[in-house]
């Protein structure tokens, strides 16, 4: 349980969790501001974003995001 490989995996997991939470809070705040905007275009973009991610079931989103590599095998000109 206290093997260095396991402990380093725990550290990486915690780092990824904090990083993803920070990104999601910043993104959510930005989208909320867009939805409250008086600019119609900005408000529409925010509402479409919210509509899409609330309307598409999570399992379908997971299938789409994880299968993007089939459609686009190279990212920035490098194979992974």
N, C-alpha and C. Protein backbone atom coordinates (compact mmCIF):
# COMPACT_ATOMS: atom_id res chain seq x y z
N UNK A 1 0.81 -1.19 0.00
CA UNK A 1 0.00 0.00 0.00
C UNK A 1 0.86 1.27 0.00
N UNK A 2 2.02 1.19 0.56
CA UNK A 2 2.89 2.37 0.62
C UNK A 2 4.08 2.24 -0.32
N UNK A 3 3.92 1.45 -1.35
CA UNK A 3 4.96 1.31 -2.37
C UNK A 3 5.07 2.63 -3.13
N UNK A 4 6.28 3.03 -3.50
CA UNK A 4 6.45 4.32 -4.19
C UNK A 4 5.62 4.46 -5.47
N UNK A 5 5.42 3.38 -6.20
CA UNK A 5 4.63 3.46 -7.42
C UNK A 5 3.17 3.78 -7.10
N UNK A 6 2.65 3.19 -6.04
CA UNK A 6 1.27 3.46 -5.65
C UNK A 6 1.13 4.88 -5.12
N UNK A 7 2.07 5.31 -4.31
CA UNK A 7 2.02 6.67 -3.77
C UNK A 7 2.15 7.72 -4.88
N UNK A 8 2.97 7.46 -5.87
CA UNK A 8 3.08 8.42 -6.98
C UNK A 8 1.79 8.43 -7.80
N UNK A 9 1.13 7.28 -7.92
CA UNK A 9 -0.16 7.24 -8.59
C UNK A 9 -1.22 8.02 -7.83
N UNK A 10 -1.18 7.96 -6.51
CA UNK A 10 -2.12 8.73 -5.70
C UNK A 10 -1.88 10.22 -5.89
N UNK A 11 -0.62 10.62 -5.92
CA UNK A 11 -0.28 12.03 -6.12
C UNK A 11 -0.76 12.51 -7.48
N UNK A 12 -0.54 11.74 -8.52
CA UNK A 12 -0.99 12.12 -9.86
C UNK A 12 -2.51 12.22 -9.90
N UNK A 13 -3.20 11.28 -9.27
CA UNK A 13 -4.66 11.32 -9.23
C UNK A 13 -5.16 12.57 -8.54
N UNK A 14 -4.57 12.93 -7.42
CA UNK A 14 -4.97 14.14 -6.71
C UNK A 14 -4.67 15.40 -7.53
N UNK A 15 -3.52 15.44 -8.19
CA UNK A 15 -3.18 16.59 -9.03
C UNK A 15 -4.19 16.74 -10.17
N UNK A 16 -4.52 15.64 -10.84
CA UNK A 16 -5.50 15.69 -11.93
C UNK A 16 -6.87 16.12 -11.42
N UNK A 17 -7.25 15.66 -10.24
CA UNK A 17 -8.54 16.04 -9.68
C UNK A 17 -8.61 17.53 -9.40
N UNK A 18 -7.57 18.08 -8.79
CA UNK A 18 -7.55 19.51 -8.49
C UNK A 18 -7.51 20.32 -9.78
N UNK A 19 -6.70 19.90 -10.73
CA UNK A 19 -6.58 20.60 -12.01
C UNK A 19 -7.91 20.62 -12.75
N UNK A 20 -8.61 19.48 -12.78
CA UNK A 20 -9.88 19.42 -13.48
C UNK A 20 -10.96 20.24 -12.76
N UNK A 21 -10.92 20.28 -11.45
CA UNK A 21 -11.88 21.09 -10.70
C UNK A 21 -11.67 22.58 -10.97
N UNK A 22 -10.42 23.01 -11.00
CA UNK A 22 -10.13 24.42 -11.28
C UNK A 22 -10.61 24.79 -12.68
N UNK A 23 -10.31 23.95 -13.65
CA UNK A 23 -10.75 24.22 -15.03
C UNK A 23 -12.27 24.26 -15.11
N UNK A 24 -12.94 23.32 -14.45
CA UNK A 24 -14.40 23.28 -14.54
C UNK A 24 -15.06 24.47 -13.86
N UNK A 25 -14.50 24.93 -12.75
CA UNK A 25 -15.08 26.10 -12.07
C UNK A 25 -14.89 27.35 -12.92
N UNK A 26 -13.71 27.52 -13.50
CA UNK A 26 -13.46 28.68 -14.34
C UNK A 26 -14.36 28.65 -15.58
N UNK A 27 -14.48 27.48 -16.21
CA UNK A 27 -15.33 27.34 -17.39
C UNK A 27 -16.80 27.59 -17.04
N UNK A 28 -17.26 27.04 -15.93
CA UNK A 28 -18.65 27.24 -15.52
C UNK A 28 -18.93 28.70 -15.21
N UNK A 29 -17.99 29.37 -14.58
CA UNK A 29 -18.18 30.79 -14.29
C UNK A 29 -18.26 31.60 -15.58
N UNK A 30 -17.39 31.28 -16.53
CA UNK A 30 -17.42 31.97 -17.81
C UNK A 30 -18.70 31.73 -18.58
N UNK A 31 -19.18 30.50 -18.59
CA UNK A 31 -20.43 30.19 -19.28
C UNK A 31 -21.61 30.86 -18.59
N UNK A 32 -21.60 30.90 -17.25
CA UNK A 32 -22.68 31.58 -16.53
C UNK A 32 -22.69 33.07 -16.84
N UNK A 33 -21.52 33.67 -16.94
CA UNK A 33 -21.46 35.09 -17.31
C UNK A 33 -21.96 35.30 -18.74
N UNK A 34 -21.63 34.37 -19.62
CA UNK A 34 -22.11 34.48 -21.00
C UNK A 34 -23.63 34.41 -21.06
N UNK A 35 -24.22 33.51 -20.28
CA UNK A 35 -25.69 33.37 -20.28
C UNK A 35 -26.37 34.61 -19.72
N UNK A 36 -25.71 35.33 -18.84
CA UNK A 36 -26.28 36.53 -18.23
C UNK A 36 -25.97 37.79 -19.02
N UNK A 37 -25.22 37.66 -20.09
CA UNK A 37 -24.78 38.82 -20.86
C UNK A 37 -25.95 39.49 -21.57
N UNK A 38 -25.83 40.78 -21.77
CA UNK A 38 -26.83 41.52 -22.54
C UNK A 38 -26.60 41.38 -24.05
N UNK A 39 -25.40 40.99 -24.42
CA UNK A 39 -25.09 40.74 -25.82
C UNK A 39 -25.81 39.46 -26.26
N UNK A 40 -26.64 39.57 -27.27
CA UNK A 40 -27.44 38.41 -27.68
C UNK A 40 -26.59 37.26 -28.20
N UNK A 41 -25.54 37.58 -28.95
CA UNK A 41 -24.69 36.53 -29.49
C UNK A 41 -24.00 35.76 -28.37
N UNK A 42 -23.43 36.48 -27.42
CA UNK A 42 -22.73 35.84 -26.31
C UNK A 42 -23.69 35.01 -25.47
N UNK A 43 -24.87 35.55 -25.20
CA UNK A 43 -25.86 34.81 -24.42
C UNK A 43 -26.31 33.56 -25.17
N UNK A 44 -26.46 33.67 -26.48
CA UNK A 44 -26.88 32.51 -27.27
C UNK A 44 -25.81 31.42 -27.27
N UNK A 45 -24.55 31.81 -27.38
CA UNK A 45 -23.47 30.82 -27.35
C UNK A 45 -23.46 30.10 -26.01
N UNK A 46 -23.60 30.85 -24.93
CA UNK A 46 -23.64 30.24 -23.60
C UNK A 46 -24.82 29.31 -23.43
N UNK A 47 -25.98 29.72 -23.92
CA UNK A 47 -27.17 28.89 -23.78
C UNK A 47 -27.10 27.64 -24.65
N UNK A 48 -26.51 27.76 -25.83
CA UNK A 48 -26.34 26.57 -26.68
C UNK A 48 -25.38 25.59 -26.03
N UNK A 49 -24.30 26.10 -25.44
CA UNK A 49 -23.35 25.24 -24.74
C UNK A 49 -24.05 24.48 -23.61
N UNK A 50 -24.81 25.20 -22.80
CA UNK A 50 -25.53 24.57 -21.69
C UNK A 50 -26.57 23.59 -22.22
N UNK A 51 -27.30 23.98 -23.26
CA UNK A 51 -28.32 23.11 -23.83
C UNK A 51 -27.71 21.80 -24.32
N UNK A 52 -26.56 21.90 -25.02
CA UNK A 52 -25.94 20.71 -25.57
C UNK A 52 -25.48 19.76 -24.47
N UNK A 53 -24.75 20.27 -23.49
CA UNK A 53 -24.19 19.38 -22.48
C UNK A 53 -25.22 18.90 -21.48
N UNK A 54 -26.33 19.62 -21.32
CA UNK A 54 -27.41 19.10 -20.49
C UNK A 54 -28.31 18.15 -21.27
N UNK A 55 -28.44 18.36 -22.56
CA UNK A 55 -29.36 17.57 -23.37
C UNK A 55 -28.83 16.24 -23.83
N UNK A 56 -27.52 16.15 -24.04
CA UNK A 56 -26.93 14.89 -24.52
C UNK A 56 -26.62 14.02 -23.30
N UNK A 57 -27.10 12.79 -23.28
CA UNK A 57 -26.83 11.92 -22.13
C UNK A 57 -25.33 11.70 -21.91
N UNK A 58 -24.96 11.51 -20.66
CA UNK A 58 -23.55 11.38 -20.29
C UNK A 58 -22.88 10.21 -21.00
N UNK A 59 -23.57 9.09 -21.11
CA UNK A 59 -22.97 7.93 -21.78
C UNK A 59 -22.67 8.22 -23.24
N UNK A 60 -23.53 8.95 -23.91
CA UNK A 60 -23.28 9.33 -25.30
C UNK A 60 -22.08 10.26 -25.39
N UNK A 61 -21.98 11.22 -24.47
CA UNK A 61 -20.83 12.11 -24.46
C UNK A 61 -19.53 11.34 -24.24
N UNK A 62 -19.56 10.38 -23.32
CA UNK A 62 -18.36 9.57 -23.07
C UNK A 62 -17.96 8.81 -24.33
N UNK A 63 -18.93 8.23 -25.02
CA UNK A 63 -18.62 7.51 -26.26
C UNK A 63 -18.05 8.45 -27.32
N UNK A 64 -18.59 9.66 -27.42
CA UNK A 64 -18.09 10.62 -28.41
C UNK A 64 -16.68 11.05 -28.06
N UNK A 65 -16.45 11.49 -26.83
CA UNK A 65 -15.13 12.03 -26.46
C UNK A 65 -14.04 10.97 -26.52
N UNK A 66 -14.34 9.74 -26.09
CA UNK A 66 -13.30 8.72 -26.08
C UNK A 66 -13.06 8.11 -27.45
N UNK A 67 -13.97 8.31 -28.39
CA UNK A 67 -13.77 7.78 -29.73
C UNK A 67 -13.32 8.83 -30.73
N UNK A 68 -12.99 10.03 -30.26
CA UNK A 68 -12.44 11.04 -31.16
C UNK A 68 -11.10 10.61 -31.73
N UNK A 69 -10.38 9.78 -31.00
CA UNK A 69 -9.08 9.31 -31.49
C UNK A 69 -9.22 8.46 -32.74
N UNK A 70 -10.36 7.83 -32.92
CA UNK A 70 -10.59 7.03 -34.14
C UNK A 70 -10.71 7.97 -35.33
N UNK A 71 -11.39 9.10 -35.14
CA UNK A 71 -11.57 10.04 -36.24
C UNK A 71 -10.32 10.89 -36.48
N UNK A 72 -9.66 11.27 -35.40
CA UNK A 72 -8.47 12.13 -35.49
C UNK A 72 -7.31 11.46 -34.75
N UNK A 73 -6.58 10.56 -35.42
CA UNK A 73 -5.51 9.83 -34.73
C UNK A 73 -4.29 10.68 -34.40
N UNK A 74 -4.15 11.82 -35.03
CA UNK A 74 -3.00 12.66 -34.71
C UNK A 74 -3.47 13.95 -34.07
N UNK A 75 -2.73 14.38 -33.07
CA UNK A 75 -3.01 15.63 -32.38
C UNK A 75 -1.78 16.50 -32.52
N UNK A 76 -1.94 17.65 -33.16
CA UNK A 76 -0.84 18.58 -33.38
C UNK A 76 0.31 17.92 -34.15
N UNK A 77 -0.02 17.00 -35.03
CA UNK A 77 0.98 16.38 -35.91
C UNK A 77 1.77 15.27 -35.28
N UNK A 78 1.39 14.79 -34.09
CA UNK A 78 2.10 13.68 -33.45
C UNK A 78 1.14 12.54 -33.19
N UNK A 79 1.59 11.31 -33.45
CA UNK A 79 0.79 10.13 -33.15
C UNK A 79 0.94 9.78 -31.69
N UNK A 80 -0.15 9.29 -31.11
CA UNK A 80 -0.12 8.84 -29.70
C UNK A 80 -0.57 7.43 -29.61
